[in-house]
């Protein structure tokens, strides 16, 4: 798992969020509230759709909450790497926000990280 390498807020300007996303080399990241709870997910795909719309209408005032997906899948920090790998086989997301026992965002984990961890164990 990587730490809190990226996170957005609903009130963040989409342009700022996009700059942050592009600098991270990640495909998306969680949207968190003031308490650290994950309230959404912002992906490259979400941003693409809004940027095309914004370029057509010359509107660059969107916020993260205008384009984010709600209620993203997440995993508890206590989930074993094997259980996570099985989950990743059956579900679409390539990365998940990791939550502690209080459902607070503590980091991200990607398929690549899971592959690396399993390879190391073998």
N, C-alpha and C. Protein backbone atom coordinates (compact mmCIF):
# COMPACT_ATOMS: atom_id res chain seq x y z
N UNK A 1 0.86 -1.18 0.00
CA UNK A 1 0.00 0.00 0.00
C UNK A 1 0.89 1.23 0.00
N UNK A 2 0.47 2.23 -0.75
CA UNK A 2 1.14 3.52 -0.67
C UNK A 2 0.37 4.35 0.34
N UNK A 3 0.99 5.32 0.89
CA UNK A 3 0.29 6.20 1.83
C UNK A 3 -0.70 7.08 1.10
N UNK A 4 -1.09 8.14 1.73
CA UNK A 4 -2.05 9.06 1.13
C UNK A 4 -1.37 9.86 0.02
N UNK A 5 -1.05 9.18 -1.06
CA UNK A 5 -0.34 9.82 -2.16
C UNK A 5 -1.19 10.84 -2.90
N UNK A 6 -2.49 10.66 -2.85
CA UNK A 6 -3.38 11.59 -3.54
C UNK A 6 -4.76 11.56 -2.89
N UNK A 7 -5.38 12.69 -2.82
CA UNK A 7 -6.76 12.82 -2.35
C UNK A 7 -7.30 14.16 -2.83
N UNK A 8 -8.59 14.20 -3.02
CA UNK A 8 -9.27 15.41 -3.47
C UNK A 8 -10.39 15.75 -2.49
N UNK A 9 -10.88 16.97 -2.58
CA UNK A 9 -12.07 17.36 -1.83
C UNK A 9 -13.16 17.71 -2.85
N UNK A 10 -14.41 17.60 -2.43
CA UNK A 10 -15.53 17.93 -3.31
C UNK A 10 -15.48 19.37 -3.78
N UNK A 11 -14.96 20.26 -2.93
CA UNK A 11 -14.96 21.69 -3.23
C UNK A 11 -13.77 22.12 -4.10
N UNK A 12 -12.85 21.21 -4.37
CA UNK A 12 -11.65 21.54 -5.15
C UNK A 12 -12.03 21.84 -6.60
N UNK A 13 -11.40 22.87 -7.15
CA UNK A 13 -11.57 23.22 -8.54
C UNK A 13 -11.07 22.06 -9.40
N UNK A 14 -11.81 21.70 -10.43
CA UNK A 14 -11.45 20.55 -11.25
C UNK A 14 -10.09 20.73 -11.91
N UNK A 15 -9.76 21.95 -12.31
CA UNK A 15 -8.46 22.20 -12.93
C UNK A 15 -7.33 21.88 -11.96
N UNK A 16 -7.47 22.28 -10.71
CA UNK A 16 -6.47 21.98 -9.68
C UNK A 16 -6.37 20.48 -9.45
N UNK A 17 -7.53 19.82 -9.39
CA UNK A 17 -7.55 18.37 -9.19
C UNK A 17 -6.90 17.65 -10.36
N UNK A 18 -7.14 18.12 -11.57
CA UNK A 18 -6.56 17.51 -12.75
C UNK A 18 -5.04 17.66 -12.74
N UNK A 19 -4.54 18.82 -12.37
CA UNK A 19 -3.09 19.03 -12.25
C UNK A 19 -2.50 18.05 -11.25
N UNK A 20 -3.17 17.89 -10.13
CA UNK A 20 -2.72 16.97 -9.08
C UNK A 20 -2.75 15.52 -9.59
N UNK A 21 -3.79 15.14 -10.29
CA UNK A 21 -3.92 13.80 -10.83
C UNK A 21 -2.83 13.51 -11.86
N UNK A 22 -2.61 14.43 -12.76
CA UNK A 22 -1.58 14.23 -13.79
C UNK A 22 -0.18 14.14 -13.19
N UNK A 23 0.09 14.92 -12.17
CA UNK A 23 1.39 14.88 -11.51
C UNK A 23 1.62 13.58 -10.76
N UNK A 24 0.55 12.91 -10.38
CA UNK A 24 0.66 11.69 -9.56
C UNK A 24 0.97 10.44 -10.36
N UNK A 25 0.72 10.45 -11.66
CA UNK A 25 0.84 9.26 -12.50
C UNK A 25 -0.11 8.14 -12.07
N UNK A 26 -1.19 8.48 -11.39
CA UNK A 26 -2.22 7.52 -11.00
C UNK A 26 -3.42 7.70 -11.91
N UNK A 27 -4.32 6.72 -11.92
CA UNK A 27 -5.51 6.79 -12.78
C UNK A 27 -6.70 7.41 -12.08
N UNK A 28 -6.56 7.72 -10.81
CA UNK A 28 -7.64 8.31 -10.04
C UNK A 28 -7.27 8.40 -8.59
N UNK A 29 -8.22 8.90 -7.80
CA UNK A 29 -7.98 9.01 -6.38
C UNK A 29 -9.26 9.29 -5.63
N UNK A 30 -9.21 9.08 -4.32
CA UNK A 30 -10.41 9.27 -3.51
C UNK A 30 -10.73 10.74 -3.26
N UNK A 31 -12.00 10.99 -3.10
CA UNK A 31 -12.47 12.31 -2.67
C UNK A 31 -12.83 12.14 -1.20
N UNK A 32 -12.23 12.95 -0.35
CA UNK A 32 -12.42 12.80 1.09
C UNK A 32 -13.05 14.06 1.68
N UNK A 33 -13.76 13.87 2.79
CA UNK A 33 -14.32 15.03 3.50
C UNK A 33 -13.36 15.47 4.59
N UNK A 34 -13.75 16.46 5.38
CA UNK A 34 -12.88 17.02 6.41
C UNK A 34 -12.48 16.00 7.47
N UNK A 35 -13.30 14.98 7.67
CA UNK A 35 -13.01 13.95 8.67
C UNK A 35 -12.12 12.84 8.11
N UNK A 36 -11.83 12.88 6.81
CA UNK A 36 -11.01 11.84 6.19
C UNK A 36 -11.79 10.66 5.65
N UNK A 37 -13.12 10.76 5.65
CA UNK A 37 -13.95 9.70 5.10
C UNK A 37 -14.00 9.81 3.58
N UNK A 38 -13.93 8.68 2.89
CA UNK A 38 -14.00 8.68 1.43
C UNK A 38 -15.46 8.86 1.02
N UNK A 39 -15.72 9.93 0.27
CA UNK A 39 -17.09 10.24 -0.16
C UNK A 39 -17.27 10.11 -1.66
N UNK A 40 -16.19 9.81 -2.37
CA UNK A 40 -16.28 9.68 -3.82
C UNK A 40 -14.95 9.28 -4.41
N UNK A 41 -14.92 9.23 -5.73
CA UNK A 41 -13.72 8.85 -6.47
C UNK A 41 -13.64 9.73 -7.71
N UNK A 42 -12.47 10.25 -8.00
CA UNK A 42 -12.24 11.04 -9.21
C UNK A 42 -11.26 10.28 -10.09
N UNK A 43 -11.68 9.99 -11.32
CA UNK A 43 -10.83 9.21 -12.22
C UNK A 43 -10.46 10.03 -13.45
N UNK A 44 -9.47 9.52 -14.17
CA UNK A 44 -9.10 10.14 -15.45
C UNK A 44 -10.30 10.16 -16.38
N UNK A 45 -11.08 9.08 -16.37
CA UNK A 45 -12.25 8.99 -17.24
C UNK A 45 -13.27 10.07 -16.90
N UNK A 46 -13.50 10.31 -15.60
CA UNK A 46 -14.42 11.38 -15.17
C UNK A 46 -13.94 12.73 -15.70
N UNK A 47 -12.64 12.96 -15.60
CA UNK A 47 -12.07 14.24 -16.02
C UNK A 47 -12.15 14.42 -17.53
N UNK A 48 -11.90 13.35 -18.28
CA UNK A 48 -11.97 13.43 -19.74
C UNK A 48 -13.35 13.88 -20.21
N UNK A 49 -14.37 13.26 -19.67
CA UNK A 49 -15.73 13.61 -20.07
C UNK A 49 -16.02 15.08 -19.79
N UNK A 50 -15.63 15.56 -18.62
CA UNK A 50 -15.91 16.95 -18.26
C UNK A 50 -15.07 17.91 -19.08
N UNK A 51 -13.82 17.57 -19.38
CA UNK A 51 -12.98 18.46 -20.18
C UNK A 51 -13.50 18.61 -21.60
N UNK A 52 -14.00 17.54 -22.16
CA UNK A 52 -14.58 17.63 -23.50
C UNK A 52 -15.80 18.55 -23.47
N UNK A 53 -16.63 18.36 -22.47
CA UNK A 53 -17.81 19.22 -22.31
C UNK A 53 -17.41 20.67 -22.08
N UNK A 54 -16.41 20.89 -21.23
CA UNK A 54 -15.97 22.25 -20.90
C UNK A 54 -15.38 22.93 -22.13
N UNK A 55 -14.64 22.20 -22.95
CA UNK A 55 -14.05 22.82 -24.14
C UNK A 55 -15.13 23.20 -25.15
N UNK A 56 -16.19 22.42 -25.21
CA UNK A 56 -17.29 22.71 -26.13
C UNK A 56 -18.05 23.95 -25.68
N UNK A 57 -18.29 24.07 -24.37
CA UNK A 57 -19.06 25.19 -23.85
C UNK A 57 -18.20 26.32 -23.29
N UNK A 58 -16.87 26.20 -23.40
CA UNK A 58 -15.94 27.19 -22.83
C UNK A 58 -16.22 27.44 -21.35
N UNK A 59 -16.48 26.36 -20.63
CA UNK A 59 -16.77 26.45 -19.20
C UNK A 59 -15.68 25.72 -18.43
N UNK A 60 -14.90 26.47 -17.64
CA UNK A 60 -13.79 25.89 -16.89
C UNK A 60 -13.98 26.07 -15.39
N UNK A 61 -15.23 26.12 -14.94
CA UNK A 61 -15.49 26.39 -13.53
C UNK A 61 -15.99 25.18 -12.75
N UNK A 62 -15.80 24.00 -13.28
CA UNK A 62 -16.31 22.81 -12.61
C UNK A 62 -15.54 22.51 -11.33
N UNK A 63 -16.24 21.86 -10.41
CA UNK A 63 -15.64 21.39 -9.17
C UNK A 63 -15.56 19.87 -9.20
N UNK A 64 -14.75 19.30 -8.33
CA UNK A 64 -14.63 17.84 -8.25
C UNK A 64 -15.99 17.20 -8.05
N UNK A 65 -16.83 17.78 -7.18
CA UNK A 65 -18.13 17.17 -6.91
C UNK A 65 -19.03 17.11 -8.15
N UNK A 66 -18.74 17.92 -9.16
CA UNK A 66 -19.53 17.91 -10.39
C UNK A 66 -19.26 16.68 -11.25
N UNK A 67 -18.10 16.06 -11.08
CA UNK A 67 -17.72 14.96 -11.97
C UNK A 67 -17.36 13.66 -11.25
N UNK A 68 -17.18 13.70 -9.95
CA UNK A 68 -16.74 12.50 -9.22
C UNK A 68 -17.82 11.42 -9.22
N UNK A 69 -17.38 10.20 -9.05
CA UNK A 69 -18.29 9.07 -8.83
C UNK A 69 -18.50 8.96 -7.33
N UNK A 70 -19.72 8.65 -6.93
CA UNK A 70 -20.00 8.50 -5.51
C UNK A 70 -19.77 7.07 -5.04
N UNK A 71 -19.60 6.91 -3.76
CA UNK A 71 -19.50 5.61 -3.08
C UNK A 71 -18.56 4.63 -3.78
N UNK A 72 -17.27 4.94 -3.84
CA UNK A 72 -16.34 4.01 -4.49
C UNK A 72 -16.12 2.76 -3.64
N UNK A 73 -15.73 1.69 -4.31
CA UNK A 73 -15.35 0.49 -3.58
C UNK A 73 -14.07 0.79 -2.81
N UNK A 74 -13.96 0.26 -1.63
CA UNK A 74 -12.77 0.45 -0.81
C UNK A 74 -12.47 -0.86 -0.10
N UNK A 75 -11.31 -0.91 0.54
CA UNK A 75 -10.95 -2.11 1.28
C UNK A 75 -10.48 -1.73 2.68
N UNK A 76 -10.69 -2.62 3.64
CA UNK A 76 -10.17 -2.36 4.98
C UNK A 76 -8.67 -2.66 5.03
N UNK A 77 -7.96 -1.94 5.87
CA UNK A 77 -6.52 -2.14 5.98
C UNK A 77 -6.16 -3.52 6.51
N UNK A 78 -7.12 -4.22 7.06
CA UNK A 78 -6.88 -5.55 7.62
C UNK A 78 -7.05 -6.69 6.61
N UNK A 79 -7.49 -6.38 5.40
CA UNK A 79 -7.71 -7.40 4.38
C UNK A 79 -6.38 -8.02 3.97
N UNK A 80 -6.33 -9.35 3.88
CA UNK A 80 -5.09 -10.02 3.48
C UNK A 80 -4.81 -9.77 2.01
N UNK A 81 -3.55 -9.88 1.63
CA UNK A 81 -3.15 -9.64 0.24
C UNK A 81 -3.78 -10.67 -0.69
N UNK A 82 -3.94 -11.90 -0.24
CA UNK A 82 -4.57 -12.94 -1.07
C UNK A 82 -6.05 -12.64 -1.26
N UNK A 83 -6.73 -12.24 -0.20
CA UNK A 83 -8.15 -11.89 -0.32
C UNK A 83 -8.32 -10.68 -1.24
N UNK A 84 -7.42 -9.72 -1.14
CA UNK A 84 -7.48 -8.56 -2.02
C UNK A 84 -7.26 -8.97 -3.47
N UNK A 85 -6.29 -9.84 -3.71
CA UNK A 85 -6.03 -10.31 -5.07
C UNK A 85 -7.27 -10.99 -5.65
N UNK A 86 -7.94 -11.81 -4.86
CA UNK A 86 -9.16 -12.47 -5.33
C UNK A 86 -10.25 -11.45 -5.63
N UNK A 87 -10.34 -10.43 -4.81
CA UNK A 87 -11.32 -9.36 -5.03
C UNK A 87 -11.02 -8.63 -6.35
N UNK A 88 -9.73 -8.38 -6.60
CA UNK A 88 -9.34 -7.66 -7.81
C UNK A 88 -9.57 -8.49 -9.08
N UNK A 89 -9.58 -9.80 -8.93
CA UNK A 89 -9.87 -10.66 -10.09
C UNK A 89 -11.34 -10.52 -10.49
N UNK A 90 -12.22 -10.36 -9.50
CA UNK A 90 -13.65 -10.37 -9.75
C UNK A 90 -14.29 -8.99 -9.88
N UNK A 91 -13.57 -7.93 -9.57
CA UNK A 91 -14.13 -6.58 -9.65
C UNK A 91 -13.30 -5.72 -10.58
N UNK A 92 -13.89 -4.68 -11.10
CA UNK A 92 -13.27 -3.83 -12.09
C UNK A 92 -12.14 -2.93 -11.57
N UNK A 93 -12.24 -2.32 -10.41
CA UNK A 93 -11.22 -1.33 -10.06
C UNK A 93 -9.80 -1.87 -10.10
N UNK A 94 -8.91 -1.02 -10.60
CA UNK A 94 -7.48 -1.35 -10.64
C UNK A 94 -6.77 -0.84 -9.40
N UNK A 95 -7.47 -0.02 -8.63
CA UNK A 95 -6.91 0.51 -7.39
C UNK A 95 -8.04 0.80 -6.42
N UNK A 96 -7.72 0.71 -5.15
CA UNK A 96 -8.72 0.92 -4.10
C UNK A 96 -8.18 1.87 -3.04
N UNK A 97 -9.06 2.70 -2.48
CA UNK A 97 -8.67 3.40 -1.26
C UNK A 97 -8.67 2.40 -0.11
N UNK A 98 -7.69 2.53 0.78
CA UNK A 98 -7.58 1.66 1.94
C UNK A 98 -8.08 2.44 3.15
N UNK A 99 -8.96 1.82 3.93
CA UNK A 99 -9.57 2.49 5.08
C UNK A 99 -9.18 1.79 6.37
N UNK A 100 -9.00 2.59 7.43
CA UNK A 100 -8.71 1.99 8.74
C UNK A 100 -10.00 1.53 9.40
N UNK A 101 -9.91 1.10 10.65
CA UNK A 101 -11.09 0.56 11.35
C UNK A 101 -12.19 1.59 11.57
N UNK A 102 -11.86 2.89 11.46
CA UNK A 102 -12.85 3.96 11.60
C UNK A 102 -13.33 4.48 10.24
N UNK A 103 -12.99 3.74 9.17
CA UNK A 103 -13.32 4.12 7.79
C UNK A 103 -12.64 5.41 7.33
N UNK A 104 -11.49 5.71 7.91
CA UNK A 104 -10.70 6.88 7.52
C UNK A 104 -9.71 6.45 6.44
N UNK A 105 -9.56 7.27 5.42
CA UNK A 105 -8.64 7.01 4.31
C UNK A 105 -7.19 7.00 4.82
N UNK A 106 -6.48 5.90 4.57
CA UNK A 106 -5.08 5.80 5.00
C UNK A 106 -4.12 5.55 3.85
N UNK A 107 -4.62 5.22 2.67
CA UNK A 107 -3.73 5.01 1.53
C UNK A 107 -4.42 4.38 0.35
N UNK A 108 -3.63 4.07 -0.66
CA UNK A 108 -4.13 3.45 -1.88
C UNK A 108 -3.38 2.16 -2.12
N UNK A 109 -4.03 1.23 -2.79
CA UNK A 109 -3.36 0.02 -3.24
C UNK A 109 -3.79 -0.28 -4.66
N UNK A 110 -2.84 -0.68 -5.48
CA UNK A 110 -3.09 -0.94 -6.89
C UNK A 110 -2.85 -2.42 -7.20
N UNK A 111 -3.32 -2.84 -8.36
CA UNK A 111 -3.06 -4.21 -8.80
C UNK A 111 -1.57 -4.48 -8.90
N UNK A 112 -0.83 -3.50 -9.39
CA UNK A 112 0.62 -3.67 -9.52
C UNK A 112 1.26 -3.93 -8.16
N UNK A 113 0.81 -3.22 -7.12
CA UNK A 113 1.33 -3.43 -5.78
C UNK A 113 0.99 -4.83 -5.27
N UNK A 114 -0.23 -5.28 -5.55
CA UNK A 114 -0.66 -6.61 -5.13
C UNK A 114 0.16 -7.68 -5.85
N UNK A 115 0.35 -7.51 -7.15
CA UNK A 115 1.18 -8.45 -7.91
C UNK A 115 2.58 -8.53 -7.32
N UNK A 116 3.15 -7.38 -7.01
CA UNK A 116 4.50 -7.35 -6.45
C UNK A 116 4.57 -8.04 -5.10
N UNK A 117 3.57 -7.83 -4.26
CA UNK A 117 3.54 -8.44 -2.94
C UNK A 117 3.42 -9.97 -3.05
N UNK A 118 2.56 -10.43 -3.95
CA UNK A 118 2.39 -11.88 -4.10
C UNK A 118 3.66 -12.50 -4.70
N UNK A 119 4.26 -11.82 -5.67
CA UNK A 119 5.50 -12.32 -6.27
C UNK A 119 6.58 -12.45 -5.20
N UNK A 120 6.67 -11.48 -4.30
CA UNK A 120 7.66 -11.51 -3.22
C UNK A 120 7.40 -12.69 -2.29
N UNK A 121 6.13 -12.99 -2.03
CA UNK A 121 5.80 -14.11 -1.14
C UNK A 121 6.11 -15.45 -1.76
N UNK A 122 6.10 -15.52 -3.10
CA UNK A 122 6.36 -16.81 -3.78
C UNK A 122 7.82 -17.07 -3.77
